[in-house]
Amino acid sequence: MSTPPNILLVEDDQDIAEQVLLFFRASGFKMFHIADGAEVVSWVRENQPDAILMDIMLPNQDGVECMRQIRTFSEVPIVMLTAKVTEADRLQGLEVGADDYVCKPFSAAELVMRIKAILRRCVNTHSYQKPIEVNRDELSVKLSGCTLGLTKVEFDVFALLYDAPNRVFSRQQILDHIQPDNFDISDRVIDSHIKNIRKKIKELEHSPKIVESVYGAGYRYNGQQITE
């Protein structure tokens, strides 16, 4: 049995959100809902949904800006949902990377069909693939579908950084995570693990700066360095 697609709905109108969530779940999709624009980009970076339904008018950060930031690291299909109907508004959404544009009021059943069509098109053309996938059950990392081939310790280091994008971890913090009883172990051993991870990333023709050095501070995960 295939895994149901993960769809993120970004909508601050609770009535609309409930209707959309109901229809999509009834159609076999796994749904997630965010109502605050400020929470969207970090959630997408960490969870990598298969498609996004994005309202434009959102509290704290509008949908166009959310999409502009998402497009710096992901080609996830995005359907814009909005009450705005002017040509300029439609063009702005499409210009920053929307795959489709639906004006309110809309039919939730039609929206389901649009998402199915987009996902089917992506599968058929191979135009969309999650740039990075972390599988904690298998202790594996894939970049654009290719397995990175990390050891258990290297996976633990990578997963720690990946789970907190852009947060800087010192060598000692990383060492404490992978080896709690680290008596008489130099934190410089982390440099060796990072070097090995970067080498394997580079072998898959991606930028080793995905794991980024911060001078005098430590290391962090930088998903913007992923190249397709």
C-alpha atoms as a PDB file:
ATOM      1  CA  MET A   1       0.000   0.000   0.000  1.00  0.00           C
ATOM      2  CA  SER A   2       1.493   3.355  -1.048  1.00  0.00           C
ATOM      3  CA  THR A   3       2.133   6.119   1.456  1.00  0.00           C
ATOM      4  CA  PRO A   4      -0.517   8.884   1.305  1.00  0.00           C
ATOM      5  CA  PRO A   5       0.789  12.281   0.136  1.00  0.00           C
ATOM      6  CA  ASN A   6       1.524  14.809   2.878  1.00  0.00           C
ATOM      7  CA  ILE A   7      -0.268  18.098   2.209  1.00  0.00           C
ATOM      8  CA  LEU A   8       0.249  21.309   4.175  1.00  0.00           C
ATOM      9  CA  LEU A   9      -2.730  23.681   4.348  1.00  0.00           C
ATOM     10  CA  VAL A  10      -1.816  27.261   5.271  1.00  0.00           C
ATOM     11  CA  GLU A  11      -5.093  29.030   6.035  1.00  0.00           C
ATOM     12  CA  ASP A  12      -6.140  31.299   8.913  1.00  0.00           C
ATOM     13  CA  ASP A  13      -9.905  31.092   8.281  1.00  0.00           C
ATOM     14  CA  GLN A  14     -10.956  28.208  10.513  1.00  0.00           C
ATOM     15  CA  ASP A  15     -14.196  27.464   8.630  1.00  0.00           C
ATOM     16  CA  ILE A  16     -12.403  27.197   5.294  1.00  0.00           C
ATOM     17  CA  ALA A  17      -9.603  25.154   6.860  1.00  0.00           C
ATOM     18  CA  GLU A  18     -12.001  22.638   8.395  1.00  0.00           C
ATOM     19  CA  GLN A  19     -13.810  22.146   5.085  1.00  0.00           C
ATOM     20  CA  VAL A  20     -10.595  21.643   3.121  1.00  0.00           C
ATOM     21  CA  LEU A  21      -9.100  19.305   5.722  1.00  0.00           C
ATOM     22  CA  LEU A  22     -12.288  17.219   5.738  1.00  0.00           C
ATOM     23  CA  PHE A  23     -12.356  16.769   1.959  1.00  0.00           C
ATOM     24  CA  PHE A  24      -8.650  16.006   1.625  1.00  0.00           C
ATOM     25  CA  ARG A  25      -8.598  13.490   4.481  1.00  0.00           C
ATOM     26  CA  ALA A  26     -11.662  11.776   3.021  1.00  0.00           C
ATOM     27  CA  SER A  27      -9.689  11.511  -0.230  1.00  0.00           C
ATOM     28  CA  GLY A  28      -6.809   9.713   1.477  1.00  0.00           C
ATOM     29  CA  PHE A  29      -4.348  12.577   2.013  1.00  0.00           C
ATOM     30  CA  LYS A  30      -2.365  13.121   5.199  1.00  0.00           C
ATOM     31  CA  MET A  31      -3.067  16.725   6.167  1.00  0.00           C
ATOM     32  CA  PHE A  32      -1.243  19.325   8.276  1.00  0.00           C
ATOM     33  CA  HIS A  33      -2.585  22.776   9.077  1.00  0.00           C
ATOM     34  CA  ILE A  34      -0.831  26.054   9.923  1.00  0.00           C
ATOM     35  CA  ALA A  35      -2.700  29.340  10.481  1.00  0.00           C
ATOM     36  CA  ASP A  36       0.263  31.679  11.133  1.00  0.00           C
ATOM     37  CA  GLY A  37       2.481  32.759   8.235  1.00  0.00           C
ATOM     38  CA  ALA A  38       5.486  33.128  10.532  1.00  0.00           C
ATOM     39  CA  GLU A  39       5.502  29.364  11.182  1.00  0.00           C
ATOM     40  CA  VAL A  40       5.330  28.168   7.581  1.00  0.00           C
ATOM     41  CA  VAL A  41       8.884  28.311   6.199  1.00  0.00           C
ATOM     42  CA  SER A  42      10.592  26.533   9.099  1.00  0.00           C
ATOM     43  CA  TRP A  43       7.874  23.845   9.113  1.00  0.00           C
ATOM     44  CA  VAL A  44       8.265  23.208   5.377  1.00  0.00           C
ATOM     45  CA  ARG A  45      12.057  23.059   5.699  1.00  0.00           C
ATOM     46  CA  GLU A  46      11.834  20.459   8.468  1.00  0.00           C
ATOM     47  CA  ASN A  47       8.899  18.367   7.240  1.00  0.00           C
ATOM     48  CA  GLN A  48       9.092  18.571   3.426  1.00  0.00           C
ATOM     49  CA  PRO A  49       5.426  18.121   2.444  1.00  0.00           C
ATOM     50  CA  ASP A  50       4.457  16.747  -0.968  1.00  0.00           C
ATOM     51  CA  ALA A  51       2.356  19.842  -1.770  1.00  0.00           C
ATOM     52  CA  ILE A  52       1.189  23.080  -0.133  1.00  0.00           C
ATOM     53  CA  LEU A  53      -2.151  24.892  -0.233  1.00  0.00           C
ATOM     54  CA  MET A  54      -1.206  28.491   0.623  1.00  0.00           C
ATOM     55  CA  ASP A  55      -3.522  31.369   1.478  1.00  0.00           C
ATOM     56  CA  ILE A  56      -2.105  34.796   0.604  1.00  0.00           C
ATOM     57  CA  MET A  57      -3.602  36.866   3.424  1.00  0.00           C
ATOM     58  CA  LEU A  58      -2.021  35.470   6.586  1.00  0.00           C
ATOM     59  CA  PRO A  59      -1.130  36.898   9.990  1.00  0.00           C
ATOM     60  CA  ASN A  60       2.521  37.927  10.602  1.00  0.00           C
ATOM     61  CA  GLN A  61       3.813  36.931   7.139  1.00  0.00           C
ATOM     62  CA  ASP A  62       1.828  36.786   3.899  1.00  0.00           C
ATOM     63  CA  GLY A  63       1.705  33.767   1.639  1.00  0.00           C
ATOM     64  CA  VAL A  64       3.694  35.366  -1.182  1.00  0.00           C
ATOM     65  CA  GLU A  65       6.643  36.018   1.126  1.00  0.00           C
ATOM     66  CA  CYS A  66       6.344  32.495   2.548  1.00  0.00           C
ATOM     67  CA  MET A  67       6.506  31.085  -0.952  1.00  0.00           C
ATOM     68  CA  ARG A  68       9.417  33.323  -1.947  1.00  0.00           C
ATOM     69  CA  GLN A  69      11.434  31.955   0.992  1.00  0.00           C
ATOM     70  CA  ILE A  70      10.383  28.343   0.367  1.00  0.00           C
ATOM     71  CA  ARG A  71      11.563  28.596  -3.239  1.00  0.00           C
ATOM     72  CA  THR A  72      15.126  29.234  -2.012  1.00  0.00           C
ATOM     73  CA  PHE A  73      15.361  25.595  -0.904  1.00  0.00           C
ATOM     74  CA  SER A  74      12.404  23.613  -2.294  1.00  0.00           C
ATOM     75  CA  GLU A  75      10.426  23.024  -5.500  1.00  0.00           C
ATOM     76  CA  VAL A  76       7.440  21.594  -3.617  1.00  0.00           C
ATOM     77  CA  PRO A  77       4.205  22.188  -5.599  1.00  0.00           C
ATOM     78  CA  ILE A  78       2.264  25.168  -4.211  1.00  0.00           C
ATOM     79  CA  VAL A  79      -1.354  26.128  -4.914  1.00  0.00           C
ATOM     80  CA  MET A  80      -2.229  29.655  -3.847  1.00  0.00           C
ATOM     81  CA  LEU A  81      -5.626  30.231  -2.213  1.00  0.00           C
ATOM     82  CA  THR A  82      -6.857  33.803  -2.088  1.00  0.00           C
ATOM     83  CA  ALA A  83      -9.821  36.161  -2.174  1.00  0.00           C
ATOM     84  CA  LYS A  84      -7.742  38.525  -4.325  1.00  0.00           C
ATOM     85  CA  VAL A  85      -8.799  38.283  -7.966  1.00  0.00           C
ATOM     86  CA  THR A  86      -6.895  41.034  -9.820  1.00  0.00           C
ATOM     87  CA  GLU A  87      -4.544  40.049 -12.606  1.00  0.00           C
ATOM     88  CA  ALA A  88      -1.640  41.742 -10.792  1.00  0.00           C
ATOM     89  CA  ASP A  89      -2.208  39.565  -7.716  1.00  0.00           C
ATOM     90  CA  ARG A  90      -2.372  36.395  -9.802  1.00  0.00           C
ATOM     91  CA  LEU A  91       0.780  37.311 -11.669  1.00  0.00           C
ATOM     92  CA  GLN A  92       2.640  38.082  -8.443  1.00  0.00           C
ATOM     93  CA  GLY A  93       1.827  34.647  -7.051  1.00  0.00           C
ATOM     94  CA  LEU A  94       2.837  32.901 -10.259  1.00  0.00           C
ATOM     95  CA  GLU A  95       5.991  34.983 -10.590  1.00  0.00           C
ATOM     96  CA  VAL A  96       7.394  33.829  -7.256  1.00  0.00           C
ATOM     97  CA  GLY A  97       6.701  30.180  -8.029  1.00  0.00           C
ATOM     98  CA  ALA A  98       3.063  29.153  -7.573  1.00  0.00           C
ATOM     99  CA  ASP A  99       2.040  26.055  -9.541  1.00  0.00           C
ATOM    100  CA  ASP A 100      -1.645  26.940  -9.529  1.00  0.00           C
ATOM    101  CA  TYR A 101      -3.934  29.716  -8.334  1.00  0.00           C
ATOM    102  CA  VAL A 102      -7.445  29.263  -6.884  1.00  0.00           C
ATOM    103  CA  CYS A 103      -9.739  32.162  -5.998  1.00  0.00           C
ATOM    104  CA  LYS A 104     -12.163  32.057  -3.073  1.00  0.00           C
ATOM    105  CA  PRO A 105     -14.870  30.922  -2.820  1.00  0.00           C
ATOM    106  CA  PHE A 106     -13.767  27.600  -4.259  1.00  0.00           C
ATOM    107  CA  SER A 107     -14.969  24.010  -4.300  1.00  0.00           C
ATOM    108  CA  ALA A 108     -12.992  21.811  -1.911  1.00  0.00           C
ATOM    109  CA  ALA A 109     -13.737  18.832  -4.172  1.00  0.00           C
ATOM    110  CA  GLU A 110     -12.256  20.698  -7.161  1.00  0.00           C
ATOM    111  CA  LEU A 111      -9.205  21.615  -5.069  1.00  0.00           C
ATOM    112  CA  VAL A 112      -8.637  17.917  -4.323  1.00  0.00           C
ATOM    113  CA  MET A 113      -8.713  17.178  -8.049  1.00  0.00           C
ATOM    114  CA  ARG A 114      -6.246  19.986  -8.786  1.00  0.00           C
ATOM    115  CA  ILE A 115      -3.765  18.668  -6.213  1.00  0.00           C
ATOM    116  CA  LYS A 116      -4.116  15.122  -7.541  1.00  0.00           C
ATOM    117  CA  ALA A 117      -3.405  16.414 -11.056  1.00  0.00           C
ATOM    118  CA  ILE A 118      -0.330  18.363  -9.907  1.00  0.00           C
ATOM    119  CA  LEU A 119       1.095  15.401  -7.976  1.00  0.00           C
ATOM    120  CA  ARG A 120       0.408  13.061 -10.884  1.00  0.00           C
ATOM    121  CA  ARG A 121       2.166  15.444 -13.265  1.00  0.00           C
ATOM    122  CA  CYS A 122       5.151  15.705 -10.945  1.00  0.00           C
ATOM    123  CA  VAL A 123       5.470  11.921 -10.715  1.00  0.00           C
ATOM    124  CA  ASN A 124       5.101  11.432 -14.459  1.00  0.00           C
ATOM    125  CA  THR A 125       7.690  14.045 -15.398  1.00  0.00           C
ATOM    126  CA  HIS A 126      10.028  13.450 -12.449  1.00  0.00           C
ATOM    127  CA  SER A 127       9.977  17.223 -12.035  1.00  0.00           C
ATOM    128  CA  TYR A 128       9.695  17.122  -8.282  1.00  0.00           C
ATOM    129  CA  GLN A 129      11.714  15.193  -5.782  1.00  0.00           C
ATOM    130  CA  LYS A 130      12.345  15.985  -2.155  1.00  0.00           C
ATOM    131  CA  PRO A 131      15.921  17.299  -2.132  1.00  0.00           C
ATOM    132  CA  ILE A 132      16.672  15.661   1.207  1.00  0.00           C
ATOM    133  CA  GLU A 133      15.053  12.828   3.136  1.00  0.00           C
ATOM    134  CA  VAL A 134      16.036  11.706   6.628  1.00  0.00           C
ATOM    135  CA  ASN A 135      14.781   8.247   7.664  1.00  0.00           C
ATOM    136  CA  ARG A 136      15.312   7.676  11.373  1.00  0.00           C
ATOM    137  CA  ASP A 137      14.082   4.091  11.291  1.00  0.00           C
ATOM    138  CA  GLU A 138      16.689   3.150   8.690  1.00  0.00           C
ATOM    139  CA  LEU A 139      19.311   5.644   9.927  1.00  0.00           C
ATOM    140  CA  SER A 140      19.647   6.869   6.353  1.00  0.00           C
ATOM    141  CA  VAL A 141      19.875  10.195   4.547  1.00  0.00           C
ATOM    142  CA  LYS A 142      19.048  10.671   0.865  1.00  0.00           C
ATOM    143  CA  LEU A 143      19.992  13.654  -1.286  1.00  0.00           C
ATOM    144  CA  SER A 144      17.822  13.926  -4.412  1.00  0.00           C
ATOM    145  CA  GLY A 145      17.045  10.223  -4.096  1.00  0.00           C
ATOM    146  CA  CYS A 146      20.658   9.045  -3.589  1.00  0.00           C
ATOM    147  CA  THR A 147      21.671   7.456  -0.284  1.00  0.00           C
ATOM    148  CA  LEU A 148      24.438   9.306   1.543  1.00  0.00           C
ATOM    149  CA  GLY A 149      25.863   6.170   3.186  1.00  0.00           C
ATOM    150  CA  LEU A 150      26.497   7.535   6.678  1.00  0.00           C
ATOM    151  CA  THR A 151      27.724   5.526   9.648  1.00  0.00           C
ATOM    152  CA  LYS A 152      25.555   5.444  12.785  1.00  0.00           C
ATOM    153  CA  VAL A 153      27.599   8.204  14.439  1.00  0.00           C
ATOM    154  CA  GLU A 154      27.637  10.322  11.276  1.00  0.00           C
ATOM    155  CA  PHE A 155      23.868   9.925  10.986  1.00  0.00           C
ATOM    156  CA  ASP A 156      23.410  11.057  14.594  1.00  0.00           C
ATOM    157  CA  VAL A 157      25.532  14.146  13.942  1.00  0.00           C
ATOM    158  CA  PHE A 158      23.706  14.994  10.719  1.00  0.00           C
ATOM    159  CA  ALA A 159      20.235  14.416  12.215  1.00  0.00           C
ATOM    160  CA  LEU A 160      21.019  16.674  15.178  1.00  0.00           C
ATOM    161  CA  LEU A 161      21.924  19.551  12.855  1.00  0.00           C
ATOM    162  CA  TYR A 162      19.106  18.805  10.405  1.00  0.00           C
ATOM    163  CA  ASP A 163      16.433  18.874  13.131  1.00  0.00           C
ATOM    164  CA  ALA A 164      17.368  22.453  14.071  1.00  0.00           C
ATOM    165  CA  PRO A 165      18.128  24.219  10.760  1.00  0.00           C
ATOM    166  CA  ASN A 166      20.413  27.258  11.050  1.00  0.00           C
ATOM    167  CA  ARG A 167      21.009  26.687  14.771  1.00  0.00           C
ATOM    168  CA  VAL A 168      24.725  26.608  15.539  1.00  0.00           C
ATOM    169  CA  PHE A 169      25.928  23.667  17.653  1.00  0.00           C
ATOM    170  CA  SER A 170      29.319  23.764  19.327  1.00  0.00           C
ATOM    171  CA  ARG A 171      31.620  20.745  19.043  1.00  0.00           C
ATOM    172  CA  GLN A 172      30.982  19.950  22.689  1.00  0.00           C
ATOM    173  CA  GLN A 173      27.187  20.067  22.235  1.00  0.00           C
ATOM    174  CA  ILE A 174      27.426  17.663  19.315  1.00  0.00           C
ATOM    175  CA  LEU A 175      29.764  15.382  21.259  1.00  0.00           C
ATOM    176  CA  ASP A 176      27.408  15.383  24.249  1.00  0.00           C
ATOM    177  CA  HIS A 177      24.582  14.341  21.929  1.00  0.00           C
ATOM    178  CA  ILE A 178      26.337  11.427  20.240  1.00  0.00           C
ATOM    179  CA  GLN A 179      28.460  10.299  23.198  1.00  0.00           C
ATOM    180  CA  PRO A 180      26.988  11.349  26.572  1.00  0.00           C
ATOM    181  CA  ASP A 181      29.776   9.576  28.499  1.00  0.00           C
ATOM    182  CA  ASN A 182      32.547  11.356  26.665  1.00  0.00           C
ATOM    183  CA  PHE A 183      35.221  11.409  29.356  1.00  0.00           C
ATOM    184  CA  ASP A 184      38.713  11.881  27.937  1.00  0.00           C
ATOM    185  CA  ILE A 185      37.344  12.311  24.394  1.00  0.00           C
ATOM    186  CA  SER A 186      38.385  15.497  22.622  1.00  0.00           C
ATOM    187  CA  ASP A 187      35.600  17.506  21.036  1.00  0.00           C
ATOM    188  CA  ARG A 188      37.879  17.739  17.985  1.00  0.00           C
ATOM    189  CA  VAL A 189      36.720  14.230  17.044  1.00  0.00           C
ATOM    190  CA  ILE A 190      33.608  16.011  15.760  1.00  0.00           C
ATOM    191  CA  ASP A 191      35.712  17.687  13.072  1.00  0.00           C
ATOM    192  CA  SER A 192      36.596  14.247  11.730  1.00  0.00           C
ATOM    193  CA  HIS A 193      32.956  13.176  11.584  1.00  0.00           C
ATOM    194  CA  ILE A 194      31.957  16.421   9.857  1.00  0.00           C
ATOM    195  CA  LYS A 195      34.778  15.986   7.348  1.00  0.00           C
ATOM    196  CA  ASN A 196      33.518  12.486   6.482  1.00  0.00           C
ATOM    197  CA  ILE A 197      29.914  13.675   6.139  1.00  0.00           C
ATOM    198  CA  ARG A 198      30.966  16.507   3.832  1.00  0.00           C
ATOM    199  CA  LYS A 199      33.060  14.155   1.708  1.00  0.00           C
ATOM    200  CA  LYS A 200      30.071  11.879   1.178  1.00  0.00           C
ATOM    201  CA  ILE A 201      27.840  14.850   0.352  1.00  0.00           C
ATOM    202  CA  LYS A 202      30.372  16.089  -2.205  1.00  0.00           C
ATOM    203  CA  GLU A 203      30.572  12.621  -3.790  1.00  0.00           C
ATOM    204  CA  LEU A 204      26.854  12.979  -4.602  1.00  0.00           C
ATOM    205  CA  GLU A 205      27.644  16.299  -6.312  1.00  0.00           C
ATOM    206  CA  HIS A 206      26.012  18.464  -3.654  1.00  0.00           C
ATOM    207  CA  SER A 207      27.612  21.337  -1.803  1.00  0.00           C
ATOM    208  CA  PRO A 208      29.446  20.153   1.346  1.00  0.00           C
ATOM    209  CA  LYS A 209      28.351  23.472   2.874  1.00  0.00           C
ATOM    210  CA  ILE A 210      25.015  21.803   3.628  1.00  0.00           C
ATOM    211  CA  VAL A 211      26.889  21.171   6.879  1.00  0.00           C
ATOM    212  CA  GLU A 212      28.297  24.636   7.433  1.00  0.00           C
ATOM    213  CA  SER A 213      31.165  25.764   9.646  1.00  0.00           C
ATOM    214  CA  VAL A 214      30.603  28.861  11.773  1.00  0.00           C
ATOM    215  CA  TYR A 215      34.013  30.244  12.662  1.00  0.00           C
ATOM    216  CA  GLY A 216      34.728  30.085  16.381  1.00  0.00           C
ATOM    217  CA  ALA A 217      31.299  28.634  17.179  1.00  0.00           C
ATOM    218  CA  GLY A 218      30.682  25.232  15.601  1.00  0.00           C
ATOM    219  CA  TYR A 219      28.479  23.778  12.869  1.00  0.00           C
ATOM    220  CA  ARG A 220      24.958  24.093  11.513  1.00  0.00           C
ATOM    221  CA  TYR A 221      22.688  22.631   8.838  1.00  0.00           C
ATOM    222  CA  ASN A 222      22.131  24.982   5.894  1.00  0.00           C
ATOM    223  CA  GLY A 223      19.476  23.573   3.567  1.00  0.00           C
ATOM    224  CA  GLN A 224      19.812  26.510   1.162  1.00  0.00           C
ATOM    225  CA  GLN A 225      23.070  24.959  -0.024  1.00  0.00           C
ATOM    226  CA  ILE A 226      21.277  21.951  -1.516  1.00  0.00           C
ATOM    227  CA  THR A 227      21.619  21.831  -5.283  1.00  0.00           C
ATOM    228  CA  GLU A 228      19.260  19.820  -7.474  1.00  0.00           C
END
